């Protein structure tokens, strides 16, 4: 069924939206505090950015503390006073399955 051949459908003049209509559509569905909340969210984001910039914090997935919390002198003293760590890899289990099993 072709819509162009249907005599019940009338050609209606298309009226473009004016600025008031567009403003109404933009505010449709927004609560009374939406603008204030958006402004505060933007302000909080900007403030967080400036605080982090002043603190020198950068997003990192290394697990390191921020440089402002580093104590390099204490770390160096601790490394010198402790015996070095020994790292080994288990290659063979001796006497497996007994109480005297050793790696």
C-alpha atoms as a PDB file:
ATOM      1  CA  UNK A   1       0.000   0.000   0.000  1.00  0.00           C
ATOM      2  CA  UNK A   2       1.556   3.236  -1.153  1.00  0.00           C
ATOM      3  CA  UNK A   3       1.153   6.211   1.181  1.00  0.00           C
ATOM      4  CA  UNK A   4       1.432   8.697  -1.680  1.00  0.00           C
ATOM      5  CA  UNK A   5      -1.795   7.316  -3.204  1.00  0.00           C
ATOM      6  CA  UNK A   6      -3.790   7.569   0.065  1.00  0.00           C
ATOM      7  CA  UNK A   7      -6.284  10.476  -0.201  1.00  0.00           C
ATOM      8  CA  UNK A   8      -6.916  10.495   3.604  1.00  0.00           C
ATOM      9  CA  UNK A   9      -3.409  11.720   4.293  1.00  0.00           C
ATOM     10  CA  UNK A  10      -3.183  15.441   3.854  1.00  0.00           C
ATOM     11  CA  UNK A  11      -0.070  17.420   3.070  1.00  0.00           C
ATOM     12  CA  UNK A  12       0.730  19.473   6.169  1.00  0.00           C
ATOM     13  CA  UNK A  13       3.067  22.406   6.060  1.00  0.00           C
ATOM     14  CA  UNK A  14       6.227  21.736   8.043  1.00  0.00           C
ATOM     15  CA  UNK A  15       6.837  24.490  10.558  1.00  0.00           C
ATOM     16  CA  UNK A  16      10.444  24.704  11.813  1.00  0.00           C
ATOM     17  CA  UNK A  17      11.028  24.980  15.548  1.00  0.00           C
ATOM     18  CA  UNK A  18      11.919  28.391  16.870  1.00  0.00           C
ATOM     19  CA  UNK A  19      14.311  29.129  19.753  1.00  0.00           C
ATOM     20  CA  UNK A  20      11.548  28.986  22.383  1.00  0.00           C
ATOM     21  CA  UNK A  21      10.451  25.528  21.214  1.00  0.00           C
ATOM     22  CA  UNK A  22      14.029  24.267  21.302  1.00  0.00           C
ATOM     23  CA  UNK A  23      14.551  25.661  24.821  1.00  0.00           C
ATOM     24  CA  UNK A  24      11.334  23.934  25.957  1.00  0.00           C
ATOM     25  CA  UNK A  25      12.490  20.587  24.510  1.00  0.00           C
ATOM     26  CA  UNK A  26      15.886  20.922  26.206  1.00  0.00           C
ATOM     27  CA  UNK A  27      14.267  21.475  29.604  1.00  0.00           C
ATOM     28  CA  UNK A  28      11.648  18.733  29.140  1.00  0.00           C
ATOM     29  CA  UNK A  29      12.230  15.971  31.682  1.00  0.00           C
ATOM     30  CA  UNK A  30      14.676  17.971  33.797  1.00  0.00           C
ATOM     31  CA  UNK A  31      13.944  18.480  37.468  1.00  0.00           C
ATOM     32  CA  UNK A  32      13.833  21.893  39.110  1.00  0.00           C
ATOM     33  CA  UNK A  33      17.426  21.573  40.350  1.00  0.00           C
ATOM     34  CA  UNK A  34      19.027  20.077  37.223  1.00  0.00           C
ATOM     35  CA  UNK A  35      20.896  23.249  36.206  1.00  0.00           C
ATOM     36  CA  UNK A  36      22.189  23.899  39.730  1.00  0.00           C
ATOM     37  CA  UNK A  37      23.323  20.280  40.103  1.00  0.00           C
ATOM     38  CA  UNK A  38      25.138  20.338  36.736  1.00  0.00           C
ATOM     39  CA  UNK A  39      26.910  23.560  37.699  1.00  0.00           C
ATOM     40  CA  UNK A  40      27.964  22.139  41.078  1.00  0.00           C
ATOM     41  CA  UNK A  41      29.191  18.901  39.461  1.00  0.00           C
ATOM     42  CA  UNK A  42      31.303  20.957  37.046  1.00  0.00           C
ATOM     43  CA  UNK A  43      32.667  23.083  39.915  1.00  0.00           C
ATOM     44  CA  UNK A  44      33.545  19.966  41.956  1.00  0.00           C
ATOM     45  CA  UNK A  45      35.344  18.415  38.996  1.00  0.00           C
ATOM     46  CA  UNK A  46      37.357  21.605  38.410  1.00  0.00           C
ATOM     47  CA  UNK A  47      38.183  21.933  42.127  1.00  0.00           C
ATOM     48  CA  UNK A  48      39.298  18.283  42.330  1.00  0.00           C
ATOM     49  CA  UNK A  49      41.540  18.818  39.328  1.00  0.00           C
ATOM     50  CA  UNK A  50      43.167  21.910  40.824  1.00  0.00           C
ATOM     51  CA  UNK A  51      43.667  20.209  44.225  1.00  0.00           C
ATOM     52  CA  UNK A  52      45.281  17.176  42.588  1.00  0.00           C
ATOM     53  CA  UNK A  53      47.475  19.461  40.497  1.00  0.00           C
ATOM     54  CA  UNK A  54      48.647  21.327  43.597  1.00  0.00           C
ATOM     55  CA  UNK A  55      49.340  18.063  45.447  1.00  0.00           C
ATOM     56  CA  UNK A  56      51.274  16.652  42.521  1.00  0.00           C
ATOM     57  CA  UNK A  57      49.175  13.488  42.351  1.00  0.00           C
ATOM     58  CA  UNK A  58      49.030  11.685  39.067  1.00  0.00           C
ATOM     59  CA  UNK A  59      46.784   8.717  38.370  1.00  0.00           C
ATOM     60  CA  UNK A  60      48.926   5.633  38.632  1.00  0.00           C
ATOM     61  CA  UNK A  61      48.278   1.927  38.640  1.00  0.00           C
ATOM     62  CA  UNK A  62      51.694   1.105  40.111  1.00  0.00           C
ATOM     63  CA  UNK A  63      50.476   1.230  43.713  1.00  0.00           C
ATOM     64  CA  UNK A  64      53.117   3.793  44.674  1.00  0.00           C
ATOM     65  CA  UNK A  65      52.305   6.434  47.240  1.00  0.00           C
ATOM     66  CA  UNK A  66      52.316  10.026  46.014  1.00  0.00           C
ATOM     67  CA  UNK A  67      55.801  11.611  45.951  1.00  0.00           C
ATOM     68  CA  UNK A  68      54.791  13.907  48.821  1.00  0.00           C
ATOM     69  CA  UNK A  69      54.629  10.821  51.096  1.00  0.00           C
ATOM     70  CA  UNK A  70      58.023   9.366  50.106  1.00  0.00           C
ATOM     71  CA  UNK A  71      60.791   9.180  52.732  1.00  0.00           C
ATOM     72  CA  UNK A  72      63.839   8.270  50.659  1.00  0.00           C
ATOM     73  CA  UNK A  73      66.334   8.641  53.525  1.00  0.00           C
ATOM     74  CA  UNK A  74      64.410   6.244  55.799  1.00  0.00           C
ATOM     75  CA  UNK A  75      63.990   3.766  52.926  1.00  0.00           C
ATOM     76  CA  UNK A  76      67.715   3.828  52.147  1.00  0.00           C
ATOM     77  CA  UNK A  77      68.610   3.282  55.835  1.00  0.00           C
ATOM     78  CA  UNK A  78      66.149   0.387  56.085  1.00  0.00           C
ATOM     79  CA  UNK A  79      67.584  -1.302  52.972  1.00  0.00           C
ATOM     80  CA  UNK A  80      71.129  -0.990  54.350  1.00  0.00           C
ATOM     81  CA  UNK A  81      70.252  -2.313  57.821  1.00  0.00           C
ATOM     82  CA  UNK A  82      68.303  -5.378  56.651  1.00  0.00           C
ATOM     83  CA  UNK A  83      69.937  -8.462  55.141  1.00  0.00           C
ATOM     84  CA  UNK A  84      69.300  -8.766  51.408  1.00  0.00           C
ATOM     85  CA  UNK A  85      66.337 -10.861  50.364  1.00  0.00           C
ATOM     86  CA  UNK A  86      67.093 -14.204  48.766  1.00  0.00           C
ATOM     87  CA  UNK A  87      64.942 -15.309  45.882  1.00  0.00           C
ATOM     88  CA  UNK A  88      64.902 -18.938  44.775  1.00  0.00           C
ATOM     89  CA  UNK A  89      62.894 -21.083  42.402  1.00  0.00           C
ATOM     90  CA  UNK A  90      61.769 -24.616  43.290  1.00  0.00           C
ATOM     91  CA  UNK A  91      63.054 -27.000  40.610  1.00  0.00           C
ATOM     92  CA  UNK A  92      62.537 -30.419  42.181  1.00  0.00           C
ATOM     93  CA  UNK A  93      60.658 -31.908  45.149  1.00  0.00           C
ATOM     94  CA  UNK A  94      62.803 -34.476  46.936  1.00  0.00           C
ATOM     95  CA  UNK A  95      61.177 -37.434  48.727  1.00  0.00           C
ATOM     96  CA  UNK A  96      57.738 -36.475  47.389  1.00  0.00           C
ATOM     97  CA  UNK A  97      54.807 -37.990  49.264  1.00  0.00           C
ATOM     98  CA  UNK A  98      56.729 -38.577  52.499  1.00  0.00           C
ATOM     99  CA  UNK A  99      56.978 -36.628  55.745  1.00  0.00           C
ATOM    100  CA  UNK A 100      60.592 -35.849  54.824  1.00  0.00           C
ATOM    101  CA  UNK A 101      59.612 -34.049  51.594  1.00  0.00           C
ATOM    102  CA  UNK A 102      61.918 -31.132  50.803  1.00  0.00           C
ATOM    103  CA  UNK A 103      62.084 -28.594  48.041  1.00  0.00           C
END
